[in-house]
PDB file of all heavy atoms in Angstrom:
ATOM      1  N   VAL A   1     115.890 103.089  90.557  1.00  0.00           N
ATOM      2  CA  VAL A   1     116.147 101.662  90.352  1.00  0.00           C
ATOM      3  C   VAL A   1     115.635 100.967  91.613  1.00  0.00           C
ATOM      4  O   VAL A   1     116.261 101.024  92.671  1.00  0.00           O
ATOM      5  CB  VAL A   1     117.646 101.370  90.126  1.00  0.00           C
ATOM      6  CG1 VAL A   1     117.892  99.876  90.050  1.00  0.00           C
ATOM      7  CG2 VAL A   1     118.135 102.065  88.862  1.00  0.00           C
ATOM      8  N   LEU A   2     114.453 100.373  91.488  1.00  0.00           N
ATOM      9  CA  LEU A   2     113.815  99.671  92.597  1.00  0.00           C
ATOM     10  C   LEU A   2     113.454  98.267  92.134  1.00  0.00           C
ATOM     11  O   LEU A   2     113.026  98.085  90.994  1.00  0.00           O
ATOM     12  CB  LEU A   2     112.563 100.422  93.053  1.00  0.00           C
ATOM     13  CG  LEU A   2     112.804 101.841  93.576  1.00  0.00           C
ATOM     14  CD1 LEU A   2     111.482 102.582  93.745  1.00  0.00           C
ATOM     15  CD2 LEU A   2     113.589 101.808  94.882  1.00  0.00           C
ATOM     16  N   LEU A   3     113.635  97.305  93.030  1.00  0.00           N
ATOM     17  CA  LEU A   3     113.411  95.905  92.667  1.00  0.00           C
ATOM     18  C   LEU A   3     112.501  95.216  93.679  1.00  0.00           C
ATOM     19  O   LEU A   3     112.633  95.426  94.883  1.00  0.00           O
ATOM     20  CB  LEU A   3     114.744  95.156  92.612  1.00  0.00           C
ATOM     21  CG  LEU A   3     115.770  95.690  91.631  1.00  0.00           C
ATOM     22  CD1 LEU A   3     116.758  96.581  92.339  1.00  0.00           C
ATOM     23  CD2 LEU A   3     116.472  94.549  90.953  1.00  0.00           C
ATOM     24  N   ASP A   4     111.647  94.360  93.161  1.00  0.00           N
ATOM     25  CA  ASP A   4     110.767  93.499  93.946  1.00  0.00           C
ATOM     26  C   ASP A   4     111.100  92.069  93.532  1.00  0.00           C
ATOM     27  O   ASP A   4     110.327  91.413  92.841  1.00  0.00           O
ATOM     28  CB  ASP A   4     109.306  93.864  93.639  1.00  0.00           C
ATOM     29  CG  ASP A   4     108.279  93.036  94.388  1.00  0.00           C
ATOM     30  OD1 ASP A   4     108.615  92.464  95.437  1.00  0.00           O
ATOM     31  OD2 ASP A   4     107.127  92.975  93.910  1.00  0.00           O
ATOM     32  N   PRO A   5     112.300  91.578  93.925  1.00  0.00           N
ATOM     33  CA  PRO A   5     112.788  90.307  93.391  1.00  0.00           C
ATOM     34  C   PRO A   5     111.934  89.098  93.754  1.00  0.00           C
ATOM     35  O   PRO A   5     111.852  88.145  92.974  1.00  0.00           O
ATOM     36  CB  PRO A   5     114.197  90.182  93.974  1.00  0.00           C
ATOM     37  CG  PRO A   5     114.208  91.062  95.171  1.00  0.00           C
ATOM     38  CD  PRO A   5     113.227  92.163  94.883  1.00  0.00           C
ATOM     39  N   THR A   6     111.274  89.111  94.900  1.00  0.00           N
ATOM     40  CA  THR A   6     110.432  87.978  95.289  1.00  0.00           C
ATOM     41  C   THR A   6     108.987  88.174  94.855  1.00  0.00           C
ATOM     42  O   THR A   6     108.146  87.317  95.111  1.00  0.00           O
ATOM     43  CB  THR A   6     110.469  87.772  96.819  1.00  0.00           C
ATOM     44  OG1 THR A   6     109.912  88.930  97.453  1.00  0.00           O
ATOM     45  CG2 THR A   6     111.885  87.531  97.310  1.00  0.00           C
ATOM     46  N   GLN A   7     108.698  89.284  94.245  1.00  0.00           N
ATOM     47  CA  GLN A   7     107.367  89.656  93.775  1.00  0.00           C
ATOM     48  C   GLN A   7     106.353  89.754  94.915  1.00  0.00           C
ATOM     49  O   GLN A   7     105.146  89.658  94.696  1.00  0.00           O
ATOM     50  CB  GLN A   7     106.875  88.691  92.692  1.00  0.00           C
ATOM     51  CG  GLN A   7     107.764  88.705  91.465  1.00  0.00           C
ATOM     52  CD  GLN A   7     107.311  87.734  90.415  1.00  0.00           C
ATOM     53  OE1 GLN A   7     107.080  86.563  90.695  1.00  0.00           O
ATOM     54  NE2 GLN A   7     107.185  88.220  89.193  1.00  0.00           N
ATOM     55  N   ALA A   8     106.823  89.994  96.124  1.00  0.00           N
ATOM     56  CA  ALA A   8     105.923  90.101  97.274  1.00  0.00           C
ATOM     57  C   ALA A   8     104.956  91.269  97.104  1.00  0.00           C
ATOM     58  O   ALA A   8     103.748  91.123  97.316  1.00  0.00           O
ATOM     59  CB  ALA A   8     106.721  90.237  98.565  1.00  0.00           C
ATOM     60  N   LEU A   9     105.482  92.438  96.726  1.00  0.00           N
ATOM     61  CA  LEU A   9     104.611  93.595  96.531  1.00  0.00           C
ATOM     62  C   LEU A   9     103.698  93.374  95.327  1.00  0.00           C
ATOM     63  O   LEU A   9     102.504  93.666  95.384  1.00  0.00           O
ATOM     64  CB  LEU A   9     105.422  94.878  96.356  1.00  0.00           C
ATOM     65  CG  LEU A   9     104.585  96.139  96.162  1.00  0.00           C
ATOM     66  CD1 LEU A   9     103.688  96.401  97.375  1.00  0.00           C
ATOM     67  CD2 LEU A   9     105.472  97.331  95.879  1.00  0.00           C
ATOM     68  N   ALA A  10     104.245  92.845  94.254  1.00  0.00           N
ATOM     69  CA  ALA A  10     103.437  92.588  93.060  1.00  0.00           C
ATOM     70  C   ALA A  10     102.271  91.651  93.390  1.00  0.00           C
ATOM     71  O   ALA A  10     101.142  91.878  92.947  1.00  0.00           O
ATOM     72  CB  ALA A  10     104.301  92.000  91.952  1.00  0.00           C
ATOM     73  N   ARG A  11     102.522  90.622  94.193  1.00  0.00           N
ATOM     74  CA  ARG A  11     101.437  89.712  94.591  1.00  0.00           C
ATOM     75  C   ARG A  11     100.409  90.444  95.453  1.00  0.00           C
ATOM     76  O   ARG A  11      99.204  90.299  95.239  1.00  0.00           O
ATOM     77  CB  ARG A  11     101.984  88.498  95.330  1.00  0.00           C
ATOM     78  CG  ARG A  11     102.565  87.447  94.410  1.00  0.00           C
ATOM     79  CD  ARG A  11     102.815  86.118  95.126  1.00  0.00           C
ATOM     80  NE  ARG A  11     103.630  86.220  96.322  1.00  0.00           N
ATOM     81  CZ  ARG A  11     104.971  86.275  96.337  1.00  0.00           C
ATOM     82  NH1 ARG A  11     105.629  86.226  95.195  1.00  0.00           N
ATOM     83  NH2 ARG A  11     105.634  86.355  97.463  1.00  0.00           N
ATOM     84  N   GLN A  12     100.866  91.237  96.414  1.00  0.00           N
ATOM     85  CA  GLN A  12      99.938  91.993  97.265  1.00  0.00           C
ATOM     86  C   GLN A  12      99.071  92.933  96.440  1.00  0.00           C
ATOM     87  O   GLN A  12      97.914  93.177  96.767  1.00  0.00           O
ATOM     88  CB  GLN A  12     100.690  92.813  98.313  1.00  0.00           C
ATOM     89  CG  GLN A  12     101.118  92.054  99.522  1.00  0.00           C
ATOM     90  CD  GLN A  12     101.738  92.980 100.565  1.00  0.00           C
ATOM     91  OE1 GLN A  12     101.978  94.166 100.347  1.00  0.00           O
ATOM     92  NE2 GLN A  12     102.023  92.410 101.722  1.00  0.00           N
ATOM     93  N   MET A  13      99.644  93.459  95.367  1.00  0.00           N
ATOM     94  CA  MET A  13      98.940  94.424  94.527  1.00  0.00           C
ATOM     95  C   MET A  13      98.199  93.751  93.359  1.00  0.00           C
ATOM     96  O   MET A  13      97.706  94.433  92.463  1.00  0.00           O
ATOM     97  CB  MET A  13      99.925  95.460  93.983  1.00  0.00           C
ATOM     98  CG  MET A  13     100.668  96.270  95.034  1.00  0.00           C
ATOM     99  SD  MET A  13      99.726  97.590  95.775  1.00  0.00           S
ATOM    100  CE  MET A  13      99.353  98.629  94.389  1.00  0.00           C
ATOM    101  N   SER A  14      98.153  92.420  93.361  1.00  0.00           N
ATOM    102  CA  SER A  14      97.446  91.660  92.320  1.00  0.00           C
ATOM    103  C   SER A  14      97.959  91.984  90.917  1.00  0.00           C
ATOM    104  O   SER A  14      97.181  92.167  89.980  1.00  0.00           O
ATOM    105  CB  SER A  14      95.937  91.889  92.398  1.00  0.00           C
ATOM    106  OG  SER A  14      95.447  91.468  93.646  1.00  0.00           O
ATOM    107  N   VAL A  15      99.272  92.066  90.796  1.00  0.00           N
ATOM    108  CA  VAL A  15      99.901  92.281  89.496  1.00  0.00           C
ATOM    109  C   VAL A  15     100.083  90.903  88.866  1.00  0.00           C
ATOM    110  O   VAL A  15     100.925  90.131  89.298  1.00  0.00           O
ATOM    111  CB  VAL A  15     101.251  93.016  89.644  1.00  0.00           C
ATOM    112  CG1 VAL A  15     101.971  93.088  88.316  1.00  0.00           C
ATOM    113  CG2 VAL A  15     101.023  94.410  90.215  1.00  0.00           C
ATOM    114  N   LEU A  16      99.276  90.620  87.855  1.00  0.00           N
ATOM    115  CA  LEU A  16      99.285  89.293  87.244  1.00  0.00           C
ATOM    116  C   LEU A  16     100.008  89.260  85.911  1.00  0.00           C
ATOM    117  O   LEU A  16     100.280  88.198  85.379  1.00  0.00           O
ATOM    118  CB  LEU A  16      97.845  88.789  87.075  1.00  0.00           C
ATOM    119  CG  LEU A  16      97.032  88.725  88.371  1.00  0.00           C
ATOM    120  CD1 LEU A  16      95.603  88.333  88.075  1.00  0.00           C
ATOM    121  CD2 LEU A  16      97.676  87.778  89.365  1.00  0.00           C
ATOM    122  N   GLY A  17     100.281  90.388  85.347  1.00  0.00           N
ATOM    123  CA  GLY A  17     101.005  90.506  84.086  1.00  0.00           C
ATOM    124  C   GLY A  17     101.751  91.826  84.102  1.00  0.00           C
ATOM    125  O   GLY A  17     101.600  92.610  85.029  1.00  0.00           O
ATOM    126  N   LEU A  18     102.537  92.075  83.085  1.00  0.00           N
ATOM    127  CA  LEU A  18     103.323  93.309  83.027  1.00  0.00           C
ATOM    128  C   LEU A  18     103.156  93.971  81.673  1.00  0.00           C
ATOM    129  O   LEU A  18     102.972  93.275  80.682  1.00  0.00           O
ATOM    130  CB  LEU A  18     104.803  93.006  83.274  1.00  0.00           C
ATOM    131  CG  LEU A  18     105.154  92.463  84.654  1.00  0.00           C
ATOM    132  CD1 LEU A  18     106.626  92.079  84.703  1.00  0.00           C
ATOM    133  CD2 LEU A  18     104.817  93.449  85.744  1.00  0.00           C
ATOM    134  N   PRO A  19     103.253  95.264  81.645  1.00  0.00           N
ATOM    135  CA  PRO A  19     103.337  96.207  82.750  1.00  0.00           C
ATOM    136  C   PRO A  19     101.976  96.464  83.391  1.00  0.00           C
ATOM    137  O   PRO A  19     100.931  96.298  82.760  1.00  0.00           O
ATOM    138  CB  PRO A  19     103.861  97.479  82.095  1.00  0.00           C
ATOM    139  CG  PRO A  19     103.335  97.416  80.685  1.00  0.00           C
ATOM    140  CD  PRO A  19     103.325  95.942  80.342  1.00  0.00           C
ATOM    141  N   VAL A  20     102.005  96.892  84.634  1.00  0.00           N
ATOM    142  CA  VAL A  20     100.821  97.359  85.361  1.00  0.00           C
ATOM    143  C   VAL A  20     101.213  98.676  86.011  1.00  0.00           C
ATOM    144  O   VAL A  20     102.267  98.765  86.645  1.00  0.00           O
ATOM    145  CB  VAL A  20     100.366  96.342  86.429  1.00  0.00           C
ATOM    146  CG1 VAL A  20      99.313  96.953  87.346  1.00  0.00           C
ATOM    147  CG2 VAL A  20      99.834  95.074  85.779  1.00  0.00           C
ATOM    148  N   THR A  21     100.358  99.677  85.859  1.00  0.00           N
ATOM    149  CA  THR A  21     100.608 100.978  86.453  1.00  0.00           C
ATOM    150  C   THR A  21      99.446 101.331  87.366  1.00  0.00           C
ATOM    151  O   THR A  21      98.279 101.193  86.982  1.00  0.00           O
ATOM    152  CB  THR A  21     100.783 102.049  85.362  1.00  0.00           C
ATOM    153  OG1 THR A  21     101.815 101.617  84.461  1.00  0.00           O
ATOM    154  CG2 THR A  21     101.160 103.383  85.959  1.00  0.00           C
ATOM    155  N   VAL A  22      99.783 101.754  88.575  1.00  0.00           N
ATOM    156  CA  VAL A  22      98.798 102.042  89.607  1.00  0.00           C
ATOM    157  C   VAL A  22      98.993 103.485  90.072  1.00  0.00           C
ATOM    158  O   VAL A  22     100.121 103.912  90.309  1.00  0.00           O
ATOM    159  CB  VAL A  22      98.988 101.072  90.799  1.00  0.00           C
ATOM    160  CG1 VAL A  22      98.059 101.406  91.934  1.00  0.00           C
ATOM    161  CG2 VAL A  22      98.801  99.623  90.347  1.00  0.00           C
ATOM    162  N   LEU A  23      97.901 104.219  90.199  1.00  0.00           N
ATOM    163  CA  LEU A  23      97.960 105.575  90.725  1.00  0.00           C
ATOM    164  C   LEU A  23      97.514 105.548  92.184  1.00  0.00           C
ATOM    165  O   LEU A  23      96.429 105.046  92.501  1.00  0.00           O
ATOM    166  CB  LEU A  23      97.055 106.516  89.917  1.00  0.00           C
ATOM    167  CG  LEU A  23      97.052 107.981  90.352  1.00  0.00           C
ATOM    168  CD1 LEU A  23      98.430 108.612  90.183  1.00  0.00           C
ATOM    169  CD2 LEU A  23      96.006 108.769  89.567  1.00  0.00           C
ATOM    170  N   LEU A  24      98.388 106.048  93.061  1.00  0.00           N
ATOM    171  CA  LEU A  24      98.087 106.133  94.487  1.00  0.00           C
ATOM    172  C   LEU A  24      97.763 107.573  94.850  1.00  0.00           C
ATOM    173  O   LEU A  24      98.407 108.505  94.350  1.00  0.00           O
ATOM    174  CB  LEU A  24      99.280 105.671  95.325  1.00  0.00           C
ATOM    175  CG  LEU A  24      99.818 104.265  95.069  1.00  0.00           C
ATOM    176  CD1 LEU A  24     101.014 103.993  95.978  1.00  0.00           C
ATOM    177  CD2 LEU A  24      98.738 103.219  95.258  1.00  0.00           C
ATOM    178  N   ASP A  25      96.795 107.751  95.749  1.00  0.00           N
ATOM    179  CA  ASP A  25      96.488 109.089  96.248  1.00  0.00           C
ATOM    180  C   ASP A  25      97.454 109.434  97.381  1.00  0.00           C
ATOM    181  O   ASP A  25      98.251 108.582  97.802  1.00  0.00           O
ATOM    182  CB  ASP A  25      95.014 109.197  96.657  1.00  0.00           C
ATOM    183  CG  ASP A  25      94.633 108.368  97.873  1.00  0.00           C
ATOM    184  OD1 ASP A  25      95.519 107.825  98.577  1.00  0.00           O
ATOM    185  OD2 ASP A  25      93.422 108.255  98.151  1.00  0.00           O
ATOM    186  N   PRO A  26      97.432 110.656  97.890  1.00  0.00           N
ATOM    187  CA  PRO A  26      98.377 111.036  98.943  1.00  0.00           C
ATOM    188  C   PRO A  26      98.247 110.217 100.232  1.00  0.00           C
ATOM    189  O   PRO A  26      99.175 110.171 101.028  1.00  0.00           O
ATOM    190  CB  PRO A  26      98.059 112.516  99.200  1.00  0.00           C
ATOM    191  CG  PRO A  26      97.519 112.995  97.893  1.00  0.00           C
ATOM    192  CD  PRO A  26      96.717 111.828  97.372  1.00  0.00           C
ATOM    193  N   GLU A  27      97.118 109.553 100.433  1.00  0.00           N
ATOM    194  CA  GLU A  27      96.956 108.680 101.596  1.00  0.00           C
ATOM    195  C   GLU A  27      97.551 107.299 101.351  1.00  0.00           C
ATOM    196  O   GLU A  27      97.513 106.434 102.220  1.00  0.00           O
ATOM    197  CB  GLU A  27      95.466 108.555 101.968  1.00  0.00           C
ATOM    198  CG  GLU A  27      94.883 109.806 102.603  1.00  0.00           C
ATOM    199  CD  GLU A  27      94.572 110.884 101.571  1.00  0.00           C
ATOM    200  OE1 GLU A  27      94.027 110.553 100.495  1.00  0.00           O
ATOM    201  OE2 GLU A  27      94.898 112.058 101.818  1.00  0.00           O
ATOM    202  N   GLY A  28      98.060 107.068 100.138  1.00  0.00           N
ATOM    203  CA  GLY A  28      98.683 105.797  99.809  1.00  0.00           C
ATOM    204  C   GLY A  28      97.703 104.741  99.343  1.00  0.00           C
ATOM    205  O   GLY A  28      98.021 103.559  99.331  1.00  0.00           O
ATOM    206  N   ARG A  29      96.518 105.155  98.916  1.00  0.00           N
ATOM    207  CA  ARG A  29      95.499 104.214  98.445  1.00  0.00           C
ATOM    208  C   ARG A  29      95.461 104.186  96.922  1.00  0.00           C
ATOM    209  O   ARG A  29      95.650 105.211  96.271  1.00  0.00           O
ATOM    210  CB  ARG A  29      94.126 104.620  98.980  1.00  0.00           C
ATOM    211  CG  ARG A  29      94.071 104.694 100.500  1.00  0.00           C
ATOM    212  CD  ARG A  29      92.773 105.289 100.961  1.00  0.00           C
ATOM    213  NE  ARG A  29      92.607 106.628 100.389  1.00  0.00           N
ATOM    214  CZ  ARG A  29      91.558 107.405 100.618  1.00  0.00           C
ATOM    215  NH1 ARG A  29      90.585 107.010 101.399  1.00  0.00           N
ATOM    216  NH2 ARG A  29      91.484 108.612 100.069  1.00  0.00           N
ATOM    217  N   GLU A  30      95.182 103.022  96.372  1.00  0.00           N
ATOM    218  CA  GLU A  30      95.064 102.883  94.925  1.00  0.00           C
ATOM    219  C   GLU A  30      93.752 103.501  94.460  1.00  0.00           C
ATOM    220  O   GLU A  30      92.682 103.133  94.922  1.00  0.00           O
ATOM    221  CB  GLU A  30      95.102 101.405  94.536  1.00  0.00           C
ATOM    222  CG  GLU A  30      94.969 101.181  93.055  1.00  0.00           C
ATOM    223  CD  GLU A  30      95.040  99.725  92.636  1.00  0.00           C
ATOM    224  OE1 GLU A  30      95.707  98.920  93.322  1.00  0.00           O
ATOM    225  OE2 GLU A  30      94.428  99.393  91.604  1.00  0.00           O
ATOM    226  N   VAL A  31      93.867 104.452  93.520  1.00  0.00           N
ATOM    227  CA  VAL A  31      92.674 105.100  92.982  1.00  0.00           C
ATOM    228  C   VAL A  31      92.443 104.765  91.506  1.00  0.00           C
ATOM    229  O   VAL A  31      91.345 104.992  90.991  1.00  0.00           O
ATOM    230  CB  VAL A  31      92.708 106.629  93.186  1.00  0.00           C
ATOM    231  CG1 VAL A  31      92.656 106.962  94.674  1.00  0.00           C
ATOM    232  CG2 VAL A  31      93.918 107.257  92.530  1.00  0.00           C
ATOM    233  N   ALA A  32      93.465 104.226  90.830  1.00  0.00           N
ATOM    234  CA  ALA A  32      93.309 103.869  89.423  1.00  0.00           C
ATOM    235  C   ALA A  32      94.376 102.861  89.039  1.00  0.00           C
ATOM    236  O   ALA A  32      95.421 102.768  89.692  1.00  0.00           O
ATOM    237  CB  ALA A  32      93.400 105.111  88.531  1.00  0.00           C
ATOM    238  N   ARG A  33      94.103 102.111  87.962  1.00  0.00           N
ATOM    239  CA  ARG A  33      95.026 101.082  87.485  1.00  0.00           C
ATOM    240  C   ARG A  33      94.907 100.962  85.972  1.00  0.00           C
ATOM    241  O   ARG A  33      93.813 101.015  85.429  1.00  0.00           O
ATOM    242  CB  ARG A  33      94.673  99.750  88.141  1.00  0.00           C
ATOM    243  CG  ARG A  33      95.519  98.577  87.680  1.00  0.00           C
ATOM    244  CD  ARG A  33      95.119  97.305  88.412  1.00  0.00           C
ATOM    245  NE  ARG A  33      95.517  97.389  89.805  1.00  0.00           N
ATOM    246  CZ  ARG A  33      96.275  96.501  90.430  1.00  0.00           C
ATOM    247  NH1 ARG A  33      96.699  95.441  89.800  1.00  0.00           N
ATOM    248  NH2 ARG A  33      96.600  96.664  91.697  1.00  0.00           N
TER     249      ARG A  33
END
């Protein structure tokens, strides 16, 4: 149960609609969406 109530992370990640699923590599970089 994790919340981003101010949508700060969603904005940083360019989440413009829902749902959006992002795959991160072990270095923490987005490799797929």
